[in-house]
C-alpha atoms as a PDB file:
ATOM      1  CA  MET A   1     123.616 180.462 153.531  1.00  0.00           C
ATOM      2  CA  VAL A   2     126.105 177.577 153.760  1.00  0.00           C
ATOM      3  CA  ASN A   3     126.092 175.290 156.801  1.00  0.00           C
ATOM      4  CA  GLU A   4     129.744 175.366 157.958  1.00  0.00           C
ATOM      5  CA  LYS A   5     129.365 172.155 159.993  1.00  0.00           C
ATOM      6  CA  ALA A   6     128.537 170.372 156.744  1.00  0.00           C
ATOM      7  CA  MET A   7     131.948 171.417 155.408  1.00  0.00           C
ATOM      8  CA  THR A   8     134.300 170.006 158.055  1.00  0.00           C
ATOM      9  CA  LEU A   9     136.567 166.989 158.268  1.00  0.00           C
ATOM     10  CA  SER A  10     137.588 165.356 161.529  1.00  0.00           C
ATOM     11  CA  VAL A  11     139.802 162.266 161.858  1.00  0.00           C
ATOM     12  CA  ARG A  12     140.898 160.669 165.155  1.00  0.00           C
ATOM     13  CA  GLY A  13     143.347 157.807 165.615  1.00  0.00           C
ATOM     14  CA  LEU A  14     143.517 156.792 161.948  1.00  0.00           C
ATOM     15  CA  LYS A  15     145.522 153.617 161.321  1.00  0.00           C
ATOM     16  CA  VAL A  16     145.967 151.754 158.024  1.00  0.00           C
ATOM     17  CA  ASN A  17     147.530 148.281 157.796  1.00  0.00           C
ATOM     18  CA  LEU A  18     148.430 146.137 154.809  1.00  0.00           C
ATOM     19  CA  PRO A  19     147.017 142.588 154.691  1.00  0.00           C
ATOM     20  CA  ASP A  20     150.423 141.271 155.840  1.00  0.00           C
ATOM     21  CA  GLY A  21     150.205 143.404 158.994  1.00  0.00           C
ATOM     22  CA  ARG A  22     152.616 146.175 158.007  1.00  0.00           C
ATOM     23  CA  VAL A  23     151.483 149.570 159.294  1.00  0.00           C
ATOM     24  CA  LEU A  24     151.159 152.283 156.632  1.00  0.00           C
ATOM     25  CA  ILE A  25     149.576 155.036 158.727  1.00  0.00           C
ATOM     26  CA  ASP A  26     149.500 155.048 162.514  1.00  0.00           C
ATOM     27  CA  GLY A  27     147.615 157.381 164.848  1.00  0.00           C
ATOM     28  CA  VAL A  28     146.693 160.356 162.650  1.00  0.00           C
ATOM     29  CA  ASP A  29     144.494 163.069 164.177  1.00  0.00           C
ATOM     30  CA  LEU A  30     143.297 165.842 161.856  1.00  0.00           C
ATOM     31  CA  ASP A  31     140.706 168.624 161.844  1.00  0.00           C
ATOM     32  CA  ILE A  32     140.004 170.687 158.731  1.00  0.00           C
ATOM     33  CA  GLY A  33     137.479 173.493 159.022  1.00  0.00           C
ATOM     34  CA  ALA A  34     135.342 175.142 156.386  1.00  0.00           C
ATOM     35  CA  GLY A  35     137.422 177.245 154.015  1.00  0.00           C
ATOM     36  CA  GLU A  36     140.779 175.910 155.214  1.00  0.00           C
ATOM     37  CA  VAL A  37     143.407 174.821 152.710  1.00  0.00           C
ATOM     38  CA  VAL A  38     145.588 171.838 153.639  1.00  0.00           C
ATOM     39  CA  VAL A  39     148.698 170.480 151.944  1.00  0.00           C
ATOM     40  CA  LEU A  40     149.976 166.917 152.398  1.00  0.00           C
ATOM     41  CA  LEU A  41     153.742 167.192 152.167  1.00  0.00           C
ATOM     42  CA  GLY A  42     156.227 164.346 152.354  1.00  0.00           C
ATOM     43  CA  GLY A  43     158.755 162.283 150.498  1.00  0.00           C
ATOM     44  CA  SER A  44     158.084 159.437 148.120  1.00  0.00           C
ATOM     45  CA  GLY A  45     156.396 156.560 149.948  1.00  0.00           C
ATOM     46  CA  ALA A  46     155.452 158.681 152.971  1.00  0.00           C
ATOM     47  CA  GLY A  47     151.732 157.813 152.694  1.00  0.00           C
ATOM     48  CA  LYS A  48     150.249 160.959 151.145  1.00  0.00           C
ATOM     49  CA  SER A  49     148.247 159.133 148.470  1.00  0.00           C
ATOM     50  CA  THR A  50     147.205 156.387 150.880  1.00  0.00           C
ATOM     51  CA  PHE A  51     145.925 158.987 153.349  1.00  0.00           C
ATOM     52  CA  ALA A  52     143.902 160.725 150.620  1.00  0.00           C
ATOM     53  CA  ARG A  53     142.468 157.388 149.450  1.00  0.00           C
ATOM     54  CA  VAL A  54     141.367 156.567 153.005  1.00  0.00           C
ATOM     55  CA  LEU A  55     139.435 159.827 153.173  1.00  0.00           C
ATOM     56  CA  PHE A  56     137.942 159.956 149.692  1.00  0.00           C
ATOM     57  CA  GLU A  57     137.987 156.457 148.150  1.00  0.00           C
ATOM     58  CA  ARG A  58     137.239 154.261 151.142  1.00  0.00           C
ATOM     59  CA  ASP A  59     135.311 151.591 149.185  1.00  0.00           C
ATOM     60  CA  GLU A  60     138.195 151.117 146.749  1.00  0.00           C
ATOM     61  CA  LEU A  61     140.677 150.865 149.623  1.00  0.00           C
ATOM     62  CA  ASP A  62     138.605 148.240 151.459  1.00  0.00           C
ATOM     63  CA  ALA A  63     138.333 146.205 148.236  1.00  0.00           C
ATOM     64  CA  ALA A  64     142.133 146.285 147.909  1.00  0.00           C
ATOM     65  CA  GLY A  65     142.476 144.538 151.272  1.00  0.00           C
ATOM     66  CA  PHE A  66     143.640 147.449 153.419  1.00  0.00           C
ATOM     67  CA  ASP A  67     142.574 147.438 157.074  1.00  0.00           C
ATOM     68  CA  VAL A  68     141.351 150.930 158.012  1.00  0.00           C
ATOM     69  CA  MET A  69     140.689 151.687 161.672  1.00  0.00           C
ATOM     70  CA  ALA A  70     139.764 154.981 163.316  1.00  0.00           C
ATOM     71  CA  ALA A  71     138.304 155.936 166.648  1.00  0.00           C
ATOM     72  CA  ASN A  72     136.360 158.641 164.811  1.00  0.00           C
ATOM     73  CA  LEU A  73     136.279 159.260 161.078  1.00  0.00           C
ATOM     74  CA  ASP A  74     133.688 161.985 160.557  1.00  0.00           C
ATOM     75  CA  LEU A  75     133.190 163.132 156.972  1.00  0.00           C
ATOM     76  CA  ASP A  76     130.363 165.655 157.166  1.00  0.00           C
ATOM     77  CA  ARG A  77     129.601 167.160 153.764  1.00  0.00           C
END
């Protein structure tokens, strides 16, 4: 039996700034439940890859000098 709580993603108030202060992502709230499929859709430069990197490659993003802030970034696996 799979624990569904262990397969959820919850993000509250996500904000990502460049070292020069420019805002890349501002105020994202997101909940993805177990078994849900989500598509990030947007034009070139809209922040799709940056958003994915924040969620799944946080160490690499921090090393690149991005400032990542969130009221709640809960990545239960």
